[in-house]
Protein backbone atom coordinates (compact mmCIF):
# COMPACT_ATOMS: atom_id res chain seq x y z
CA MET A 1 -27.83 30.85 -12.10
CA LYS A 2 -26.92 31.15 -15.54
CA THR A 3 -29.36 29.94 -18.38
CA LEU A 4 -27.75 27.98 -21.13
CA SER A 5 -29.56 29.21 -24.22
CA SER A 6 -27.38 27.96 -27.12
CA PRO A 7 -26.57 24.37 -28.12
CA ASN A 8 -22.87 25.11 -27.81
CA SER A 9 -23.12 26.30 -24.20
CA CYS A 10 -25.16 23.30 -23.35
CA LEU A 11 -22.43 20.98 -24.90
CA GLN A 12 -19.78 22.80 -23.15
CA ALA A 13 -21.66 22.31 -19.82
CA VAL A 14 -22.01 18.59 -20.46
CA SER A 15 -18.40 18.21 -21.47
CA ILE A 16 -17.30 19.86 -18.16
CA LEU A 17 -19.41 17.64 -16.11
CA LEU A 18 -18.31 14.44 -18.00
CA LEU A 19 -14.76 15.61 -17.35
CA ALA A 20 -15.35 16.17 -13.67
CA PHE A 21 -17.06 12.76 -13.36
CA SER A 22 -14.11 11.06 -15.40
CA ALA A 23 -11.53 12.70 -13.05
CA THR A 24 -13.49 11.49 -9.89
CA SER A 25 -13.95 8.04 -11.36
CA CYS A 26 -10.56 7.47 -11.94
CA ALA A 27 -9.35 8.69 -8.60
CA GLN A 28 -11.81 5.94 -7.15
CA GLN A 29 -10.54 3.25 -9.32
CA ARG A 30 -6.93 4.01 -8.25
CA GLY A 31 -7.97 3.74 -4.64
CA GLY A 32 -8.41 7.21 -3.49
CA PRO A 33 -6.15 10.26 -3.07
CA GLY A 34 -2.47 9.93 -3.54
CA MET A 35 0.15 9.15 -0.68
CA PRO A 36 0.43 11.79 1.73
CA ALA A 37 3.89 13.69 1.96
CA GLU A 38 4.55 12.27 5.42
CA ALA A 39 3.94 8.72 4.42
CA ARG A 40 6.20 9.29 1.25
CA GLU A 41 8.89 10.71 3.63
CA GLN A 42 8.72 7.40 5.73
CA ILE A 43 8.83 5.29 2.70
CA HIS A 44 11.71 7.09 1.16
CA THR A 45 13.47 6.89 4.45
CA LEU A 46 13.24 3.05 4.43
CA PHE A 47 14.22 2.66 0.86
CA ASP A 48 17.34 5.11 1.32
CA HIS A 49 18.14 3.21 4.49
CA HIS A 50 17.22 -0.63 3.51
CA ALA A 51 20.77 -1.62 4.11
CA LYS A 52 20.17 -0.70 8.00
CA ILE A 53 17.01 -3.01 8.13
CA HIS A 54 16.92 -6.66 9.20
CA ARG A 55 14.00 -8.51 8.36
CA GLU A 56 13.04 -11.83 9.52
CA LEU A 57 10.11 -13.55 7.63
CA LYS A 58 8.36 -16.84 8.82
CA LEU A 59 5.60 -18.12 6.71
CA THR A 60 2.98 -19.92 8.57
CA ALA A 61 -0.10 -22.11 7.46
CA THR A 62 -2.22 -19.20 7.98
CA GLY A 63 -0.06 -16.28 6.72
CA TYR A 64 3.12 -14.86 8.20
CA THR A 65 4.97 -13.22 10.93
CA ALA A 66 7.62 -10.74 9.93
CA THR A 67 9.89 -8.87 12.27
CA THR A 68 11.70 -5.72 10.76
CA GLU A 69 14.20 -3.98 12.80
CA SER A 70 17.18 -1.65 12.82
CA ASP A 71 19.82 -0.44 15.04
CA ASP A 72 19.39 3.18 13.70
CA PRO A 73 16.90 5.13 15.70
CA LYS A 74 15.64 7.22 12.55
CA VAL A 75 15.00 3.84 10.65
CA VAL A 76 13.35 2.40 13.71
CA ALA A 77 10.88 5.55 14.00
CA ALA A 78 10.22 5.25 10.06
CA LEU A 79 9.35 1.61 10.38
CA GLN A 80 6.79 2.07 13.09
CA LYS A 81 5.31 5.27 11.66
CA HIS A 82 5.07 3.51 8.05
CA VAL A 83 3.12 0.23 9.47
CA LYS A 84 0.56 2.55 11.33
CA GLN A 85 0.20 4.84 8.22
CA MET A 86 -0.33 1.78 5.96
CA GLN A 87 -2.72 0.22 8.40
CA GLU A 88 -4.82 3.59 8.43
CA ARG A 89 -4.82 3.80 4.94
CA LEU A 90 -5.68 0.27 3.81
CA GLY A 91 -8.05 -0.08 6.78
CA SER A 92 -10.00 2.93 5.41
CA GLY A 93 -10.30 1.39 1.93
CA LEU A 94 -7.73 3.24 0.34
CA SER A 95 -4.85 1.45 -1.61
CA VAL A 96 -1.31 1.90 -2.62
CA ARG A 97 0.68 1.21 -5.77
CA ARG A 98 -2.38 0.06 -7.79
CA TRP A 99 0.05 -0.22 -10.74
CA ASP A 100 2.02 -3.24 -9.04
CA PRO A 101 -0.19 -6.51 -9.48
CA ALA A 102 0.82 -7.92 -5.93
CA PHE A 103 -0.08 -4.62 -4.05
CA ALA A 104 -3.35 -4.42 -6.04
CA GLU A 105 -4.28 -7.81 -5.06
CA TYR A 106 -3.43 -7.23 -1.53
CA CYS A 107 -5.32 -4.08 -1.24
CA ASP A 108 -8.33 -5.74 -2.85
CA HIS A 109 -8.11 -8.50 -0.23
CA TYR A 110 -7.16 -6.72 2.80
CA ALA A 111 -10.25 -7.03 4.55
CA GLU A 112 -10.09 -10.89 4.21
CA MET A 113 -6.94 -10.89 6.61
CA ASP A 114 -6.35 -10.07 10.28
CA HIS A 115 -3.23 -7.82 10.91
CA GLN A 116 -1.68 -7.72 14.31
CA PHE A 117 1.17 -5.08 14.66
CA THR A 118 3.43 -4.63 17.49
CA SER A 119 6.26 -2.23 18.15
CA THR A 120 9.52 -3.66 19.15
CA ALA A 121 12.37 -1.85 20.75
CA LYS A 122 14.12 -1.72 17.41
CA GLY A 123 11.14 -1.83 14.83
CA VAL A 124 8.08 -3.64 14.18
CA ARG A 125 6.39 -7.10 14.31
CA MET A 126 3.49 -7.98 11.83
CA THR A 127 1.44 -11.05 12.01
CA VAL A 128 -1.10 -11.49 9.28
CA THR A 129 -3.54 -14.25 8.94
CA GLY A 130 -5.59 -14.93 6.04
CA ARG A 131 -9.21 -16.02 6.46
CA ASN A 132 -9.39 -18.01 3.30
CA ALA A 133 -6.71 -19.80 1.22
CA ALA A 134 -6.61 -17.06 -1.44
CA ALA A 135 -5.92 -14.44 1.46
CA ILE A 136 -3.22 -16.59 2.81
CA LYS A 137 -1.49 -16.82 -0.47
CA ILE A 138 -1.84 -12.94 -1.27
CA ALA A 139 -0.53 -12.28 2.53
CA GLN A 140 2.69 -14.32 1.92
CA ASN A 141 3.19 -12.90 -1.58
CA HIS A 142 3.07 -9.37 -0.05
CA ALA A 143 5.44 -10.30 2.69
CA LYS A 144 8.04 -11.66 0.20
CA VAL A 145 7.80 -8.31 -1.81
CA VAL A 146 8.19 -6.49 1.41
CA SER A 147 11.16 -8.39 2.29
CA ALA A 148 12.58 -7.75 -1.36
CA PHE A 149 12.10 -3.95 -0.62
CA ALA A 150 14.16 -4.35 2.72
CA ALA A 151 16.94 -6.34 1.03
CA GLN A 152 17.07 -4.46 -2.24
CA GLY A 153 16.04 -0.90 -1.56
CA TRP A 154 15.45 1.41 -4.48
CA SER A 155 16.45 -1.23 -7.25
CA GLU A 156 13.31 -3.20 -6.21
CA HIS A 157 10.95 -0.10 -5.90
CA ASP A 158 10.01 0.20 -9.50
CA LYS A 159 9.38 -3.31 -10.31
CA LYS A 160 5.96 -4.99 -10.78
CA HIS A 161 5.55 -7.97 -8.61
CA GLY A 162 3.24 -10.88 -9.62
CA SER A 163 -0.10 -11.64 -8.22
CA VAL A 164 -1.04 -15.10 -6.95
CA THR A 165 -4.59 -15.15 -7.97
CA ARG A 166 -4.60 -13.35 -11.36
């Protein structure tokens, strides 16, 4: 181990530690590591082929049920993989799209919702139930944003979507 003898070397060491701490702290505030390449690939496939996606959204008193399907086997596989990947990511405490208020809010309240995922022959069915009034509104808002993604594709991708509790 090297001994730091001069004030400058001590200052450099402290600066390096602060820089490392800041980088770690920022990563934690953003919700952890970035999206893995495989997850990005599924998302891009869905945006690229949004015109092949059929989504039916039914808002309920406690949340929503959405059936998202396609006749294209490649899109069906991407839908099913995407939902599983997001359940794993959000269920482990990581987040997505922290820059988008609707997604930041959804990630922050994810544990206040029950998520039931079912594969269908042509895609997925998701039933989300909020455990409190705020979680119900947040779940429904998220469902509407995802419906806009399916309808609009890439033109909707870079938009910020409003939160319902902030």
